[in-house]
Amino acid sequence: MKIKTTAEDKMIAFYRYFSLSLTSLMYLLDHTGPSVIYKSLLIVSLFLIAQAFVITYRRLRTRPRVLMLAVSIEMAGVIALTLLTGGFDSVFKLYVLNPVLIAAGSLSMYFGWGLLLSYIVIVTGFCYIFVNSAGKSVTDAVLQNGNLFLALVLAVIVMQMVNRIKRQREEANARTNETMEHIKSLYHIVETSSQHDFMNIGQVITDYVVKLTKLDKALFWFAKKSGEPAPQSRQTGWQHEEERFLFTELEKHEHEWRLQREPVFKSMPGLGDFLLMPVRMSTRFVGMIGVKLESSEGLEGRRWYIQQLMFLSELSAIILERHELGVIENRLIITNEQNRIADEMHDSVSQSLFGIVYATHSLKQTWRKMSDSELEEQIDLIHDSATRVAKELRITIYSLSSKKSGGPTWLGMVRSHLKSLSRLNDVEIELKITGDDFSLPYPYHKALFRIISEATGNAIRHGAASRVDVELSLKPKWIRLSITDDGIGFDTDLLWTTSEDTTGGLGMKNMQYLTQSLGGEFHISSSENAGTKISISIPVGVAELKNA
């Protein structure tokens, strides 16, 4: 498997070859010591060894114990090279920075300092015992090479500071990526949920608060709303018998919460310390979202919780406001349509019906005095009027059908959803449909939309796919759905044993349940780095027979 080269790898490799080239040139230009041929062979060997260590370090970056052994071996080689080429007078004495930088930048702090101390002690001791022709003391030997030791110490300090900053950045990136994945999942769930599911939105959000913050307890308390039903207050982590006491305590401070616009720390007797964040739509106060804090949490941890709650608070407000606007829009559409139908009925149908009634009443009074031809002519006029009224009623009813009037059909909503998903995630989604859904019952519409939405969402979020192909075949007796992606894939043997966080297993189980609830069959095939394919077959009408 090809190992990706990072910027850090390139920097260390550049320094290694640059320092080796410089010291090798100085070694060759020094007229003392071995012959030029011997020096040349030594330099070639050093370049080959350097290349081997560059490749080794790149491959072992995720295996710290083996990497420690490799660094120790290189350090032993550098010590031997330094001692054999003149000790502290060797041009290769600064080459020791290569293993020291690797140790300080990729391994533990204690190992890096231990490695450097070992080098100083061994080289100083050897030079003092075997190369000390002037009879200098150990102190004199250390002071004479103080600049070298100082440079090595500073290099270790700087590299460890850089390594610490890098780790903090990686942890922050990991937290951010995890947060975004949870937010996408949350939005995806809310986007595809029905009206019934929406009333339980508080539970969905509190579950995600626990996932994001890694705390044990979270809550979403909804303030009372006059008139229409509001989502129910929900919590995650408390026992059922504690729930009523929790929300009763929150209700006691409702006036205080309505005035809050910033995060608030609150200690409630018998419950503990809380971090609470108000949820506000543009028109009204919704409620409070919060977590129960642990006593060991420091200031930095609390800042992190505040960021998460602020993010979820804004997202919750957007979702709730969008839902309410949708409800209002639907009501306005219905009201406008009712007014339009009433106007049409009054202007055309009711007038025609009044004419028919009047003509029928008049005919009832005069038909005995009319000839047969006059009677037949009058009946034909009433018949034509009734036919015209029936036609006008048929046109009005026809215009109410979204399937016939060009309104938003189910297939149109599927196309619109996938188009939005494609634009938001910069992923190519190809939808191919054969047949139509005119006679398909509502439960099939709902289940298929959820399956398509869940499968494409998993392909993007968990599979990192760049292309998703959705093929839907709608026939009178069978529905066949195939969803294929070019993502990273996974081991299907682990699908039913791992958690949702790692493989999206919960989403797969939901799709399987929806398929089986309609009497269908669910199949999935995938392997690592080979994409995923979901195949579904559902017989039309079986679900109705099972529920009959």
Protein backbone atom coordinates (compact mmCIF):
# COMPACT_ATOMS: atom_id res chain seq x y z
CA MET A 1 0.00 0.00 0.00
CA LYS A 2 1.34 3.42 -0.96
CA ILE A 3 2.12 5.66 2.02
CA LYS A 4 1.11 9.29 1.61
CA THR A 5 3.98 11.71 2.11
CA THR A 6 3.18 14.56 4.49
CA ALA A 7 4.72 18.04 4.59
CA GLU A 8 6.55 17.02 7.78
CA ASP A 9 8.06 14.00 5.99
CA LYS A 10 9.28 16.22 3.17
CA MET A 11 10.82 18.74 5.59
CA ILE A 12 12.71 16.07 7.57
CA ALA A 13 13.90 14.33 4.38
CA PHE A 14 15.12 17.66 2.97
CA TYR A 15 17.08 18.45 6.13
CA ARG A 16 18.56 14.95 6.21
CA TYR A 17 19.88 15.10 2.63
CA PHE A 18 20.94 18.75 2.92
CA SER A 19 22.87 18.21 6.16
CA LEU A 20 24.42 15.00 4.83
CA SER A 21 25.46 16.71 1.59
CA LEU A 22 27.02 19.63 3.46
CA THR A 23 28.89 17.51 5.98
CA SER A 24 29.99 15.08 3.25
CA LEU A 25 31.47 17.96 1.23
CA MET A 26 33.35 19.21 4.29
CA TYR A 27 34.54 15.66 4.96
CA LEU A 28 35.89 15.32 1.42
CA LEU A 29 37.64 18.70 1.50
CA ASP A 30 39.43 17.79 4.74
CA HIS A 31 42.87 16.54 3.66
CA THR A 32 43.50 14.69 6.91
CA GLY A 33 42.26 11.23 7.68
CA PRO A 34 41.54 8.35 5.25
CA SER A 35 41.90 8.46 1.47
CA VAL A 36 39.40 10.09 -0.88
CA ILE A 37 38.24 6.69 -2.16
CA TYR A 38 37.46 5.52 1.40
CA LYS A 39 35.65 8.76 2.14
CA SER A 40 33.66 8.50 -1.10
CA LEU A 41 32.56 4.93 -0.31
CA LEU A 42 31.54 6.02 3.18
CA ILE A 43 29.50 8.95 1.84
CA VAL A 44 27.69 6.74 -0.73
CA SER A 45 26.88 4.26 2.04
CA LEU A 46 25.54 7.07 4.23
CA PHE A 47 23.23 8.28 1.45
CA LEU A 48 21.87 4.75 0.94
CA ILE A 49 21.33 4.35 4.68
CA ALA A 50 19.66 7.79 4.84
CA GLN A 51 17.23 6.76 2.08
CA ALA A 52 16.42 3.55 3.96
CA PHE A 53 15.70 5.46 7.17
CA VAL A 54 13.50 8.01 5.33
CA ILE A 55 11.31 5.20 3.96
CA THR A 56 11.33 3.37 7.31
CA TYR A 57 10.23 6.40 9.32
CA ARG A 58 7.48 7.19 6.83
CA ARG A 59 6.04 3.68 7.14
CA LEU A 60 6.39 3.45 10.92
CA ARG A 61 4.80 6.79 11.84
CA THR A 62 1.71 5.00 13.23
CA ARG A 63 3.72 2.37 15.16
CA PRO A 64 5.53 4.24 17.96
CA ARG A 65 7.22 1.24 19.59
CA VAL A 66 8.83 0.04 16.37
CA LEU A 67 9.67 3.64 15.49
CA MET A 68 11.53 3.99 18.82
CA LEU A 69 13.64 0.96 17.92
CA ALA A 70 14.45 2.37 14.47
CA VAL A 71 15.43 5.77 15.94
CA SER A 72 17.61 4.07 18.57
CA ILE A 73 19.38 2.09 15.84
CA GLU A 74 20.06 5.25 13.81
CA MET A 75 21.30 7.05 16.93
CA ALA A 76 23.72 4.19 17.62
CA GLY A 77 24.96 4.45 14.03
CA VAL A 78 25.37 8.24 14.30
CA ILE A 79 27.36 7.84 17.56
CA ALA A 80 29.61 5.26 15.92
CA LEU A 81 30.09 7.49 12.85
CA THR A 82 30.92 10.50 15.04
CA LEU A 83 33.46 8.59 17.14
CA LEU A 84 35.12 6.93 14.13
CA THR A 85 35.52 10.24 12.28
CA GLY A 86 37.07 12.32 15.06
CA GLY A 87 34.64 12.60 17.97
CA PHE A 88 33.79 16.22 18.72
CA ASP A 89 36.07 17.22 15.85
CA SER A 90 34.00 15.15 13.37
CA VAL A 91 32.13 17.01 10.63
CA PHE A 92 29.25 14.58 11.19
CA LYS A 93 28.59 15.62 14.80
CA LEU A 94 25.53 17.76 13.83
CA TYR A 95 24.08 14.85 11.85
CA VAL A 96 22.75 13.67 15.22
CA LEU A 97 19.90 16.15 14.75
CA ASN A 98 18.19 13.70 12.35
CA PRO A 99 17.22 11.02 14.92
CA VAL A 100 16.79 13.70 17.62
CA LEU A 101 14.23 15.60 15.49
CA ILE A 102 12.34 12.39 14.73
CA ALA A 103 12.24 11.47 18.43
CA ALA A 104 11.20 14.96 19.58
CA GLY A 105 8.60 15.42 16.84
CA SER A 106 6.96 11.99 16.69
CA LEU A 107 7.64 10.19 19.99
CA SER A 108 7.29 10.86 23.70
CA MET A 109 9.04 13.75 25.43
CA TYR A 110 10.97 11.43 27.76
CA PHE A 111 12.29 9.33 24.90
CA GLY A 112 13.52 12.42 23.03
CA TRP A 113 15.39 13.82 26.03
CA GLY A 114 16.72 10.38 26.95
CA LEU A 115 18.08 9.91 23.43
CA LEU A 116 19.82 13.29 23.47
CA LEU A 117 21.28 12.72 26.96
CA SER A 118 22.58 9.30 25.89
CA TYR A 119 24.35 10.87 22.92
CA ILE A 120 25.99 13.57 25.05
CA VAL A 121 27.11 11.15 27.78
CA ILE A 122 28.47 8.49 25.41
CA VAL A 123 30.34 10.85 23.08
CA THR A 124 31.68 13.00 25.93
CA GLY A 125 32.78 9.96 27.93
CA PHE A 126 34.47 8.30 24.96
CA CYS A 127 36.29 11.47 23.91
CA TYR A 128 37.37 12.15 27.54
CA ILE A 129 38.75 8.64 28.02
CA PHE A 130 40.25 7.82 24.63
CA VAL A 131 40.85 11.13 22.80
CA ASN A 132 41.85 13.40 25.71
CA SER A 133 45.53 13.86 24.82
CA ALA A 134 45.70 17.25 26.57
CA GLY A 135 44.42 15.85 29.87
CA LYS A 136 41.36 18.11 30.09
CA SER A 137 38.73 17.62 32.77
CA VAL A 138 35.17 16.55 32.02
CA THR A 139 33.99 20.11 32.74
CA ASP A 140 36.42 21.50 30.20
CA ALA A 141 35.28 18.97 27.59
CA VAL A 142 31.62 19.89 28.16
CA LEU A 143 32.28 23.65 28.08
CA GLN A 144 34.40 23.33 24.95
CA ASN A 145 31.44 21.76 23.11
CA GLY A 146 28.77 23.83 24.88
CA ASN A 147 27.57 25.41 21.64
CA LEU A 148 26.86 21.97 20.16
CA PHE A 149 24.97 20.82 23.25
CA LEU A 150 23.01 24.08 23.39
CA ALA A 151 22.03 23.77 19.74
CA LEU A 152 20.83 20.20 20.32
CA VAL A 153 18.83 21.19 23.42
CA LEU A 154 17.18 24.11 21.63
CA ALA A 155 16.37 21.88 18.65
CA VAL A 156 14.63 19.37 20.95
CA ILE A 157 12.67 22.12 22.76
CA VAL A 158 11.51 23.76 19.51
CA MET A 159 10.57 20.44 17.93
CA GLN A 160 8.59 19.34 20.98
CA MET A 161 6.74 22.68 21.01
CA VAL A 162 5.92 22.24 17.32
CA ASN A 163 4.81 18.67 18.01
CA ARG A 164 2.55 19.83 20.84
CA ILE A 165 0.96 22.50 18.64
CA LYS A 166 0.48 19.92 15.90
CA ARG A 167 -1.24 17.50 18.27
CA GLN A 168 -3.54 20.25 19.56
CA ARG A 169 -4.44 21.19 16.00
CA GLU A 170 -5.10 17.56 15.09
CA GLU A 171 -7.32 17.14 18.16
CA ALA A 172 -9.20 20.33 17.29
CA ASN A 173 -9.63 19.17 13.67
CA ALA A 174 -10.83 15.77 14.84
CA ARG A 175 -13.36 17.40 17.17
CA THR A 176 -14.53 19.73 14.42
CA ASN A 177 -14.89 16.90 11.92
CA GLU A 178 -16.77 14.81 14.47
CA THR A 179 -19.04 17.74 15.25
CA MET A 180 -19.79 18.35 11.57
CA GLU A 181 -20.56 14.66 11.04
CA HIS A 182 -23.01 14.70 13.93
CA ILE A 183 -24.60 17.93 12.71
CA LYS A 184 -25.00 16.49 9.20
CA SER A 185 -26.56 13.37 10.67
CA LEU A 186 -28.89 15.45 12.83
CA TYR A 187 -29.96 17.64 9.92
CA HIS A 188 -30.42 14.55 7.75
CA ILE A 189 -32.69 12.93 10.35
CA VAL A 190 -34.80 16.06 10.77
CA GLU A 191 -34.93 16.64 7.00
CA THR A 192 -36.45 13.22 6.35
CA SER A 193 -38.64 12.94 9.44
CA SER A 194 -42.43 13.01 9.30
CA GLN A 195 -44.79 15.23 11.32
CA HIS A 196 -45.07 12.54 14.00
CA ASP A 197 -41.28 12.26 14.29
CA PHE A 198 -40.99 16.05 14.46
CA MET A 199 -42.96 16.18 17.70
CA ASN A 200 -40.14 14.12 19.22
CA ILE A 201 -37.35 16.38 17.89
CA GLY A 202 -36.20 17.16 21.45
CA GLN A 203 -35.11 13.54 21.97
CA VAL A 204 -33.13 13.52 18.73
CA ILE A 205 -31.28 16.70 19.70
CA THR A 206 -30.50 15.64 23.29
CA ASP A 207 -29.09 12.34 22.04
CA TYR A 208 -26.76 14.29 19.75
CA VAL A 209 -25.80 16.69 22.53
CA VAL A 210 -24.57 13.68 24.53
CA LYS A 211 -22.62 12.41 21.51
CA LEU A 212 -21.01 15.78 20.84
CA THR A 213 -20.07 16.74 24.39
CA LYS A 214 -19.26 13.20 25.66
CA LEU A 215 -21.23 14.05 28.80
CA ASP A 216 -23.76 11.70 30.37
CA LYS A 217 -26.83 13.92 30.64
CA ALA A 218 -28.52 16.46 28.34
CA LEU A 219 -31.95 18.07 28.05
CA PHE A 220 -34.18 20.09 25.73
CA TRP A 221 -36.94 21.90 27.64
CA PHE A 222 -39.70 23.48 25.53
CA ALA A 223 -41.61 26.45 26.92
CA LYS A 224 -45.38 26.23 26.82
CA LYS A 225 -46.93 27.46 23.58
CA SER A 226 -50.48 28.74 23.45
CA GLY A 227 -52.75 27.36 20.79
CA GLU A 228 -50.84 24.74 18.78
CA PRO A 229 -49.06 21.64 20.09
CA ALA A 230 -45.31 22.01 20.60
CA PRO A 231 -42.61 19.32 20.62
CA GLN A 232 -42.29 17.54 23.97
CA SER A 233 -39.48 18.32 26.41
CA ARG A 234 -36.97 15.51 26.38
CA GLN A 235 -33.84 14.41 28.23
CA THR A 236 -31.06 11.86 27.85
CA GLY A 237 -29.32 10.25 30.81
CA TRP A 238 -31.78 10.75 33.67
CA GLN A 239 -34.04 8.05 35.07
CA HIS A 240 -37.70 8.23 34.12
CA GLU A 241 -38.77 9.13 37.65
CA GLU A 242 -36.25 12.03 37.69
CA GLU A 243 -37.58 13.53 34.45
CA ARG A 244 -40.67 15.18 35.94
CA PHE A 245 -38.66 16.76 38.77
CA LEU A 246 -36.09 18.04 36.25
CA PHE A 247 -38.61 19.78 34.01
CA THR A 248 -40.62 21.06 36.98
CA GLU A 249 -37.49 22.83 38.26
CA LEU A 250 -36.87 24.31 34.82
CA GLU A 251 -40.46 25.56 34.59
CA LYS A 252 -40.02 27.43 37.90
CA HIS A 253 -37.41 29.63 36.20
CA GLU A 254 -39.32 30.15 32.94
CA HIS A 255 -39.43 33.94 33.34
CA GLU A 256 -35.65 33.98 33.89
CA TRP A 257 -35.02 31.82 30.83
CA ARG A 258 -37.11 34.06 28.59
CA LEU A 259 -34.81 37.00 29.41
CA GLN A 260 -31.60 35.07 28.69
CA ARG A 261 -29.73 35.46 25.41
CA GLU A 262 -26.33 34.08 26.42
CA PRO A 263 -25.18 30.74 27.89
CA VAL A 264 -25.90 30.47 31.61
CA PHE A 265 -24.39 28.30 34.35
CA LYS A 266 -27.05 27.25 36.83
CA SER A 267 -26.88 25.15 40.00
CA MET A 268 -30.21 23.47 40.81
CA PRO A 269 -30.70 21.80 44.22
CA GLY A 270 -30.86 18.05 44.00
CA LEU A 271 -29.83 18.05 40.32
CA GLY A 272 -26.34 19.54 40.14
CA ASP A 273 -24.59 22.13 37.97
CA PHE A 274 -25.93 22.86 34.48
CA LEU A 275 -24.84 24.73 31.38
CA LEU A 276 -27.97 26.00 29.62
CA MET A 277 -28.41 27.77 26.29
CA PRO A 278 -31.64 29.54 25.21
CA VAL A 279 -33.17 28.54 21.89
CA ARG A 280 -34.79 31.48 20.11
CA MET A 281 -36.53 31.72 16.80
CA SER A 282 -36.81 35.09 15.09
CA THR A 283 -40.33 35.53 16.47
CA ARG A 284 -40.37 33.88 19.88
CA PHE A 285 -38.58 32.05 22.69
CA VAL A 286 -38.63 28.26 22.23
CA GLY A 287 -36.92 26.75 25.26
CA MET A 288 -33.57 25.74 26.77
CA ILE A 289 -31.01 23.22 25.65
CA GLY A 290 -28.47 22.12 28.26
CA VAL A 291 -26.07 19.60 29.79
CA LYS A 292 -25.26 18.52 33.33
CA LEU A 293 -21.61 19.39 34.04
CA GLU A 294 -19.10 17.14 35.73
CA SER A 295 -17.28 18.54 38.76
CA SER A 296 -13.89 17.83 37.17
CA GLU A 297 -14.48 19.96 34.08
CA GLY A 298 -12.03 22.82 33.63
CA LEU A 299 -12.47 26.17 31.95
CA GLU A 300 -11.28 24.93 28.54
CA GLY A 301 -13.76 22.06 28.60
CA ARG A 302 -16.63 24.39 29.47
CA ARG A 303 -15.74 26.65 26.56
CA TRP A 304 -15.99 23.64 24.27
CA TYR A 305 -19.45 22.78 25.65
CA ILE A 306 -20.59 26.38 25.13
CA GLN A 307 -19.53 26.24 21.47
CA GLN A 308 -21.42 22.99 20.91
CA LEU A 309 -24.58 24.20 22.64
CA MET A 310 -24.54 27.50 20.74
CA PHE A 311 -24.20 25.61 17.47
CA LEU A 312 -27.01 23.19 18.31
CA SER A 313 -29.18 26.00 19.62
CA GLU A 314 -28.94 27.89 16.34
CA LEU A 315 -29.52 24.74 14.31
CA SER A 316 -32.54 23.78 16.44
CA ALA A 317 -34.03 27.26 16.02
CA ILE A 318 -33.57 27.07 12.24
CA ILE A 319 -35.18 23.62 12.08
CA LEU A 320 -38.14 24.64 14.26
CA GLU A 321 -38.66 27.88 12.38
CA ARG A 322 -38.48 26.09 9.06
CA HIS A 323 -41.07 23.60 10.24
CA GLU A 324 -43.45 26.32 11.44
CA LEU A 325 -43.03 28.27 8.20
CA GLY A 326 -43.80 25.08 6.30
CA VAL A 327 -46.97 24.56 8.32
CA ILE A 328 -48.05 28.18 7.74
CA GLU A 329 -47.24 27.91 4.03
CA ASN A 330 -49.32 24.74 3.72
CA ARG A 331 -52.23 26.43 5.47
CA LEU A 332 -51.99 29.44 3.17
CA ILE A 333 -51.88 27.18 0.13
CA ILE A 334 -54.95 25.29 1.33
CA THR A 335 -56.80 28.53 2.13
CA ASN A 336 -55.96 30.05 -1.25
CA GLU A 337 -57.00 26.87 -3.00
CA GLN A 338 -60.27 26.78 -1.08
CA ASN A 339 -60.97 30.39 -2.06
CA ARG A 340 -60.10 29.69 -5.70
CA ILE A 341 -62.38 26.65 -5.81
CA ALA A 342 -65.19 28.60 -4.12
CA ASP A 343 -64.86 31.40 -6.65
CA GLU A 344 -64.84 28.99 -9.58
CA MET A 345 -67.80 27.08 -8.20
CA HIS A 346 -69.71 30.32 -7.63
CA ASP A 347 -68.88 31.88 -10.98
CA SER A 348 -69.53 28.89 -13.18
CA VAL A 349 -70.86 25.72 -11.61
CA SER A 350 -73.34 27.29 -9.18
CA GLN A 351 -74.74 29.59 -11.89
CA SER A 352 -75.18 26.70 -14.27
CA LEU A 353 -76.81 24.57 -11.58
CA PHE A 354 -79.17 27.43 -10.76
CA GLY A 355 -80.10 27.61 -14.44
CA ILE A 356 -80.76 23.85 -14.56
CA VAL A 357 -82.91 24.00 -11.42
CA TYR A 358 -84.88 26.96 -12.80
CA ALA A 359 -85.36 25.29 -16.20
CA THR A 360 -86.46 22.03 -14.56
CA HIS A 361 -88.96 23.86 -12.35
CA SER A 362 -90.32 25.75 -15.37
CA LEU A 363 -90.59 22.55 -17.39
CA LYS A 364 -92.48 20.87 -14.57
CA GLN A 365 -95.10 23.63 -14.73
CA THR A 366 -95.52 23.79 -18.52
CA TRP A 367 -94.66 20.39 -20.03
CA ARG A 368 -98.37 19.41 -20.43
CA LYS A 369 -98.95 22.44 -22.70
CA MET A 370 -95.88 21.78 -24.88
CA SER A 371 -95.74 19.74 -28.05
CA ASP A 372 -93.49 16.72 -28.23
CA SER A 373 -90.89 18.56 -30.28
CA GLU A 374 -90.85 21.51 -27.86
CA LEU A 375 -90.59 19.16 -24.88
CA GLU A 376 -87.71 17.27 -26.48
CA GLU A 377 -85.92 20.53 -27.28
CA GLN A 378 -86.27 21.74 -23.67
CA ILE A 379 -84.96 18.43 -22.27
CA ASP A 380 -81.98 18.61 -24.66
CA LEU A 381 -81.18 22.10 -23.36
CA ILE A 382 -81.26 20.87 -19.74
CA HIS A 383 -79.10 17.86 -20.73
CA ASP A 384 -76.52 20.10 -22.41
CA SER A 385 -76.37 22.36 -19.36
CA ALA A 386 -75.90 19.39 -17.03
CA THR A 387 -73.14 18.04 -19.29
CA ARG A 388 -71.40 21.42 -19.26
CA VAL A 389 -71.59 21.57 -15.43
CA ALA A 390 -70.14 18.05 -15.16
CA LYS A 391 -67.26 19.06 -17.44
CA GLU A 392 -66.51 22.15 -15.37
CA LEU A 393 -66.52 20.07 -12.16
CA ARG A 394 -64.17 17.54 -13.77
CA ILE A 395 -61.76 20.33 -14.77
CA THR A 396 -61.81 21.76 -11.23
CA ILE A 397 -61.16 18.34 -9.66
CA TYR A 398 -58.47 17.62 -12.25
CA SER A 399 -56.62 20.82 -11.32
CA LEU A 400 -56.51 19.75 -7.65
CA SER A 401 -54.46 16.63 -8.45
CA SER A 402 -50.71 17.24 -8.24
CA LYS A 403 -50.17 14.22 -10.50
CA LYS A 404 -52.26 15.80 -13.26
CA SER A 405 -51.65 19.50 -12.77
CA GLY A 406 -47.85 19.35 -12.81
CA GLY A 407 -47.53 20.07 -9.07
CA PRO A 408 -44.88 18.60 -6.75
CA THR A 409 -45.19 14.81 -7.22
CA TRP A 410 -43.40 12.25 -5.07
CA LEU A 411 -40.85 11.55 -7.79
CA GLY A 412 -40.32 15.30 -8.11
CA MET A 413 -39.58 15.53 -4.38
CA VAL A 414 -37.07 12.66 -4.66
CA ARG A 415 -35.31 14.39 -7.55
CA SER A 416 -35.29 17.71 -5.68
CA HIS A 417 -33.85 16.12 -2.52
CA LEU A 418 -31.05 14.35 -4.39
CA LYS A 419 -30.28 17.51 -6.36
CA SER A 420 -29.93 19.51 -3.14
CA LEU A 421 -27.80 16.76 -1.59
CA SER A 422 -25.55 16.77 -4.66
CA ARG A 423 -25.07 20.55 -4.58
CA LEU A 424 -24.48 20.76 -0.82
CA ASN A 425 -21.82 18.02 -0.77
CA ASP A 426 -20.29 18.48 -4.25
CA VAL A 427 -21.11 14.86 -5.13
CA GLU A 428 -22.42 13.60 -8.47
CA ILE A 429 -25.75 11.80 -7.95
CA GLU A 430 -27.35 10.10 -10.98
CA LEU A 431 -31.05 9.16 -10.70
CA LYS A 432 -32.66 6.78 -13.21
CA ILE A 433 -36.38 6.00 -12.91
CA THR A 434 -38.53 3.65 -14.96
CA GLY A 435 -42.30 3.46 -14.51
CA ASP A 436 -44.45 5.82 -12.43
CA ASP A 437 -45.73 6.02 -8.87
CA PHE A 438 -49.33 7.11 -9.56
CA SER A 439 -50.90 3.97 -8.08
CA LEU A 440 -48.27 3.47 -5.35
CA PRO A 441 -49.76 3.66 -1.80
CA TYR A 442 -48.44 6.26 0.64
CA PRO A 443 -46.51 3.79 2.91
CA TYR A 444 -44.36 2.84 -0.10
CA HIS A 445 -43.71 6.50 -0.90
CA LYS A 446 -42.60 7.20 2.67
CA ALA A 447 -40.40 4.08 3.01
CA LEU A 448 -38.69 4.48 -0.38
CA PHE A 449 -37.93 8.15 0.25
CA ARG A 450 -36.34 7.32 3.61
CA ILE A 451 -34.31 4.45 2.15
CA ILE A 452 -33.02 6.56 -0.75
CA SER A 453 -32.24 9.47 1.55
CA GLU A 454 -30.51 7.28 4.16
CA ALA A 455 -28.45 5.31 1.61
CA THR A 456 -27.22 8.37 -0.31
CA GLY A 457 -26.47 10.17 2.96
CA ASN A 458 -24.42 7.20 4.22
CA ALA A 459 -22.52 7.03 0.91
CA ILE A 460 -21.52 10.69 1.31
CA ARG A 461 -20.93 10.86 5.09
CA HIS A 462 -19.42 7.46 5.84
CA GLY A 463 -18.28 6.29 2.39
CA ALA A 464 -16.71 9.58 1.19
CA ALA A 465 -18.17 8.82 -2.24
CA SER A 466 -17.72 11.17 -5.20
CA ARG A 467 -20.49 9.53 -7.27
CA VAL A 468 -23.75 7.79 -6.34
CA ASP A 469 -26.02 6.00 -8.84
CA VAL A 470 -29.68 5.51 -7.88
CA GLU A 471 -31.84 3.26 -10.10
CA LEU A 472 -35.56 2.89 -9.29
CA SER A 473 -37.87 0.60 -11.24
CA LEU A 474 -41.61 0.95 -10.50
CA LYS A 475 -43.80 -1.79 -11.94
CA PRO A 476 -47.39 -2.76 -11.12
CA LYS A 477 -46.31 -5.77 -9.04
CA TRP A 478 -42.66 -5.07 -8.09
CA ILE A 479 -40.42 -2.23 -6.94
CA ARG A 480 -36.69 -2.60 -7.46
CA LEU A 481 -34.19 -0.10 -6.04
CA SER A 482 -30.42 -0.12 -6.52
CA ILE A 483 -28.03 2.40 -4.93
CA THR A 484 -24.33 2.15 -5.86
CA ASP A 485 -21.44 4.39 -4.77
CA ASP A 486 -17.70 4.58 -5.43
CA GLY A 487 -16.77 5.27 -1.79
CA ILE A 488 -14.27 3.61 0.52
CA GLY A 489 -16.59 0.71 1.34
CA PHE A 490 -16.40 -1.42 4.48
CA ASP A 491 -16.37 -4.98 5.76
CA THR A 492 -20.02 -6.10 5.74
CA ASP A 493 -19.24 -8.80 8.34
CA LEU A 494 -18.78 -5.99 10.89
CA LEU A 495 -21.97 -4.18 9.89
CA TRP A 496 -24.29 -5.65 12.49
CA THR A 497 -21.75 -5.70 15.34
CA THR A 498 -20.28 -2.18 15.27
CA SER A 499 -21.81 1.11 16.32
CA GLU A 500 -23.44 3.78 14.23
CA ASP A 501 -20.45 6.09 14.75
CA THR A 502 -18.10 3.81 12.80
CA THR A 503 -20.10 2.28 9.97
CA GLY A 504 -23.54 3.80 9.94
CA GLY A 505 -24.93 0.46 11.15
CA LEU A 506 -28.09 2.00 12.63
CA GLY A 507 -28.98 3.53 9.27
CA MET A 508 -28.54 0.15 7.57
CA LYS A 509 -30.78 -1.51 10.13
CA ASN A 510 -33.44 1.16 9.57
CA MET A 511 -33.33 0.55 5.81
CA GLN A 512 -33.57 -3.20 6.32
CA TYR A 513 -36.51 -2.77 8.70
CA LEU A 514 -38.37 -0.47 6.28
CA THR A 515 -37.85 -2.95 3.45
CA GLN A 516 -38.97 -5.95 5.45
CA SER A 517 -42.01 -4.07 6.81
CA LEU A 518 -43.25 -3.92 3.21
CA GLY A 519 -42.50 -7.60 2.60
CA GLY A 520 -39.34 -6.89 0.61
CA GLU A 521 -35.75 -8.15 0.53
CA PHE A 522 -32.69 -6.09 1.46
CA HIS A 523 -29.18 -6.96 0.19
CA ILE A 524 -25.90 -5.10 0.64
CA SER A 525 -22.51 -5.83 -0.87
CA SER A 526 -19.33 -3.92 -0.09
CA SER A 527 -15.62 -4.30 0.50
CA GLU A 528 -12.87 -1.92 1.55
CA ASN A 529 -11.84 0.56 -1.17
CA ALA A 530 -14.39 -0.97 -3.59
CA GLY A 531 -17.59 1.00 -2.93
CA THR A 532 -21.00 -0.20 -1.73
CA LYS A 533 -24.13 -1.46 -3.48
CA ILE A 534 -27.59 -1.74 -1.90
CA SER A 535 -30.25 -3.79 -3.73
CA ILE A 536 -33.88 -3.80 -2.65
CA SER A 537 -36.89 -5.70 -4.04
CA ILE A 538 -40.40 -4.98 -2.73
CA PRO A 539 -43.59 -6.69 -3.94
CA VAL A 540 -46.46 -4.22 -4.32
CA GLY A 541 -49.54 -5.11 -2.28
CA VAL A 542 -47.97 -7.61 0.15
CA ALA A 543 -47.89 -5.07 3.01
CA GLU A 544 -51.63 -4.39 2.58
CA LEU A 545 -52.41 -8.11 2.66
CA LYS A 546 -50.33 -8.59 5.82
CA ASN A 547 -52.14 -5.73 7.57
CA ALA A 548 -55.62 -6.72 6.37
